Amino acid sequence: MIIKIIGAVLVVCGCGGVGFHLASSYRKEEKSLHHLIDILKFMECELNFHLTALPVLCKQVATEYQSEIGNIFLKLSEELEMQTSPKPEVCMVSAIAQTKALPPITKSCMLTLGKSIGHFDLEGQIKGLEAVIAECTRQFDMLIANRDNRIRSYQTLGICAGAALAILFV
């Protein structure tokens, strides 16, 4: 009987852990997207006022924002300096591929950024950055609007699924 109780507790804890992990990944995506918006605004200011070249700008971003996204910009800078491809979009895809755990919405925004940077003159690049900032802000607002309900749902569903399984097994 004690083994069944221990098993039931482990099942509830395991399923609850999955729910809490999903809630944590939701928070991580929100934080990552907010961080990307900050980086894009920094890049826009640098292009507007200092006319910084793209590889140098990517290095500045990497040193200013030391995070997972900052590492992507460091890899992008290296790709651009080595000129592995003449297209910044291909360099961005390669830099993102070297990073393993990038949330999906942030990844799609980064790919959109790769399509808009380096192809146009200064005015076109700034318009491209503004478009990516607007898209990231829209995605971020959607995440914020559903945050409390979704996180609570993930956690509750994890625990309830564990309880249901425990009842079925006992």
Protein backbone atom coordinates (compact mmCIF):
# COMPACT_ATOMS: atom_id res chain seq x y z
CA MET A 1 0.00 0.00 0.00
CA ILE A 2 2.83 2.40 0.82
CA ILE A 3 4.40 1.77 -2.58
CA LYS A 4 1.14 2.79 -4.27
CA ILE A 5 1.03 6.01 -2.27
CA ILE A 6 4.64 6.80 -3.09
CA GLY A 7 3.94 6.06 -6.76
CA ALA A 8 0.88 8.31 -6.73
CA VAL A 9 2.86 11.15 -5.17
CA LEU A 10 5.60 10.73 -7.77
CA VAL A 11 3.06 10.78 -10.61
CA VAL A 12 1.42 13.97 -9.26
CA CYS A 13 4.81 15.61 -8.74
CA GLY A 14 6.03 14.56 -12.20
CA CYS A 15 2.98 15.88 -14.02
CA GLY A 16 2.95 19.02 -11.89
CA GLY A 17 6.61 19.52 -12.75
CA VAL A 18 5.75 19.39 -16.45
CA GLY A 19 3.08 22.04 -15.93
CA PHE A 20 5.47 24.27 -14.02
CA HIS A 21 8.11 23.75 -16.71
CA LEU A 22 5.65 24.91 -19.39
CA ALA A 23 4.85 27.98 -17.30
CA SER A 24 8.57 28.67 -16.90
CA SER A 25 9.18 28.40 -20.65
CA TYR A 26 6.32 30.85 -21.23
CA ARG A 27 7.99 33.33 -18.88
CA LYS A 28 11.32 32.74 -20.61
CA GLU A 29 9.80 33.52 -23.99
CA GLU A 30 8.29 36.72 -22.64
CA LYS A 31 11.61 37.80 -21.14
CA SER A 32 13.52 36.92 -24.30
CA LEU A 33 11.17 38.90 -26.51
CA HIS A 34 11.36 41.93 -24.22
CA HIS A 35 15.15 41.70 -24.32
CA LEU A 36 15.09 41.56 -28.13
CA ILE A 37 12.92 44.69 -28.28
CA ASP A 38 15.48 46.53 -26.13
CA ILE A 39 18.28 45.38 -28.43
CA LEU A 40 16.44 46.47 -31.55
CA LYS A 41 15.79 49.92 -30.09
CA PHE A 42 19.49 50.18 -29.23
CA MET A 43 20.40 49.21 -32.80
CA GLU A 44 17.99 51.78 -34.21
CA CYS A 45 19.54 54.55 -32.10
CA GLU A 46 23.05 53.52 -33.09
CA LEU A 47 22.17 53.54 -36.78
CA ASN A 48 20.38 56.88 -36.51
CA PHE A 49 23.07 58.78 -34.65
CA HIS A 50 26.38 57.01 -35.24
CA LEU A 51 25.94 55.28 -38.63
CA THR A 52 27.67 52.19 -37.23
CA ALA A 53 28.55 49.44 -39.71
CA LEU A 54 26.56 46.23 -39.29
CA PRO A 55 29.39 43.92 -38.05
CA VAL A 56 30.56 46.56 -35.57
CA LEU A 57 26.98 47.19 -34.47
CA CYS A 58 26.45 43.48 -33.84
CA LYS A 59 29.61 43.37 -31.71
CA GLN A 60 28.41 46.39 -29.73
CA VAL A 61 25.09 44.65 -29.12
CA ALA A 62 26.91 41.51 -27.96
CA THR A 63 29.05 43.42 -25.48
CA GLU A 64 26.20 45.65 -24.28
CA TYR A 65 23.66 42.84 -23.89
CA GLN A 66 25.40 39.72 -22.66
CA SER A 67 22.73 37.10 -23.00
CA GLU A 68 21.60 34.35 -25.34
CA ILE A 69 20.41 36.91 -27.88
CA GLY A 70 23.63 38.89 -27.46
CA ASN A 71 25.54 35.71 -28.32
CA ILE A 72 23.53 35.42 -31.53
CA PHE A 73 24.59 38.92 -32.50
CA LEU A 74 28.21 38.05 -31.70
CA LYS A 75 27.98 35.02 -33.98
CA LEU A 76 26.28 37.16 -36.63
CA SER A 77 29.14 39.64 -36.41
CA GLU A 78 31.65 36.84 -36.90
CA GLU A 79 29.69 35.47 -39.85
CA LEU A 80 29.54 38.92 -41.46
CA GLU A 81 33.25 39.59 -40.92
CA MET A 82 34.25 36.20 -42.34
CA GLN A 83 31.81 36.87 -45.20
CA THR A 84 30.67 33.27 -45.28
CA SER A 85 27.73 34.55 -47.29
CA PRO A 86 27.08 37.90 -48.96
CA LYS A 87 23.52 37.91 -47.62
CA PRO A 88 22.97 38.96 -43.99
CA GLU A 89 19.84 36.78 -43.93
CA VAL A 90 21.92 33.63 -44.48
CA CYS A 91 24.39 34.77 -41.83
CA MET A 92 21.51 35.32 -39.37
CA VAL A 93 20.12 31.84 -40.05
CA SER A 94 23.57 30.38 -39.45
CA ALA A 95 24.00 32.35 -36.21
CA ILE A 96 20.58 31.24 -34.96
CA ALA A 97 21.31 27.62 -35.87
CA GLN A 98 24.31 27.69 -33.53
CA THR A 99 22.03 28.62 -30.62
CA LYS A 100 19.99 25.76 -29.27
CA ALA A 101 17.32 27.04 -26.90
CA LEU A 102 15.82 30.15 -28.48
CA PRO A 103 12.06 30.53 -27.93
CA PRO A 104 10.00 30.18 -31.15
CA ILE A 105 8.52 33.69 -31.26
CA THR A 106 11.90 35.29 -30.61
CA LYS A 107 13.43 33.07 -33.29
CA SER A 108 10.87 34.15 -35.87
CA CYS A 109 11.47 37.82 -35.02
CA MET A 110 15.22 37.29 -35.37
CA LEU A 111 14.71 35.69 -38.80
CA THR A 112 12.57 38.67 -39.83
CA LEU A 113 15.36 40.96 -38.64
CA GLY A 114 17.83 39.00 -40.76
CA LYS A 115 15.71 39.69 -43.83
CA SER A 116 15.61 43.44 -43.20
CA ILE A 117 19.14 44.35 -42.13
CA GLY A 118 22.02 44.91 -44.50
CA HIS A 119 19.98 44.97 -47.70
CA PHE A 120 19.03 48.63 -47.92
CA ASP A 121 20.44 52.06 -47.36
CA LEU A 122 20.32 53.65 -43.92
CA GLU A 123 16.73 54.82 -44.24
CA GLY A 124 15.61 51.38 -45.43
CA GLN A 125 17.41 49.65 -42.57
CA ILE A 126 15.81 51.94 -40.02
CA LYS A 127 12.37 51.30 -41.52
CA GLY A 128 13.10 47.57 -41.42
CA LEU A 129 14.15 47.80 -37.77
CA GLU A 130 11.00 49.76 -36.94
CA ALA A 131 8.88 47.09 -38.63
CA VAL A 132 10.60 44.32 -36.66
CA ILE A 133 10.22 46.33 -33.42
CA ALA A 134 6.52 46.76 -34.17
CA GLU A 135 6.11 43.02 -34.81
CA CYS A 136 8.02 42.09 -31.65
CA THR A 137 5.98 44.57 -29.61
CA ARG A 138 2.75 43.11 -31.01
CA GLN A 139 3.87 39.58 -30.10
CA PHE A 140 4.99 40.74 -26.66
CA ASP A 141 1.65 42.42 -26.00
CA MET A 142 -0.14 39.20 -26.95
CA LEU A 143 2.04 37.25 -24.53
CA ILE A 144 1.39 39.75 -21.73
CA ALA A 145 -2.36 39.77 -22.34
CA ASN A 146 -2.62 36.01 -21.79
CA ARG A 147 0.18 35.58 -19.28
CA ASP A 148 -1.66 35.10 -15.99
CA ASN A 149 -4.36 32.81 -17.36
CA ARG A 150 -1.98 30.71 -19.40
CA ILE A 151 0.59 30.25 -16.63
CA ARG A 152 -2.09 29.34 -14.11
CA SER A 153 -3.64 26.93 -16.62
CA TYR A 154 -0.33 25.18 -17.30
CA GLN A 155 0.33 24.71 -13.61
CA THR A 156 -3.22 23.58 -12.79
CA LEU A 157 -3.42 21.19 -15.72
CA GLY A 158 -0.12 19.61 -14.75
CA ILE A 159 -1.23 18.96 -11.19
CA CYS A 160 -4.74 17.81 -12.22
CA ALA A 161 -3.37 15.46 -14.87
CA GLY A 162 -1.04 14.00 -12.27
CA ALA A 163 -3.90 13.57 -9.80
CA ALA A 164 -6.06 11.90 -12.46
CA LEU A 165 -3.27 9.50 -13.38
CA ALA A 166 -2.59 8.74 -9.74
CA ILE A 167 -6.27 7.92 -9.19
CA LEU A 168 -6.26 5.63 -12.24
CA PHE A 169 -3.12 3.82 -11.09
CA VAL A 170 -4.22 3.42 -7.46
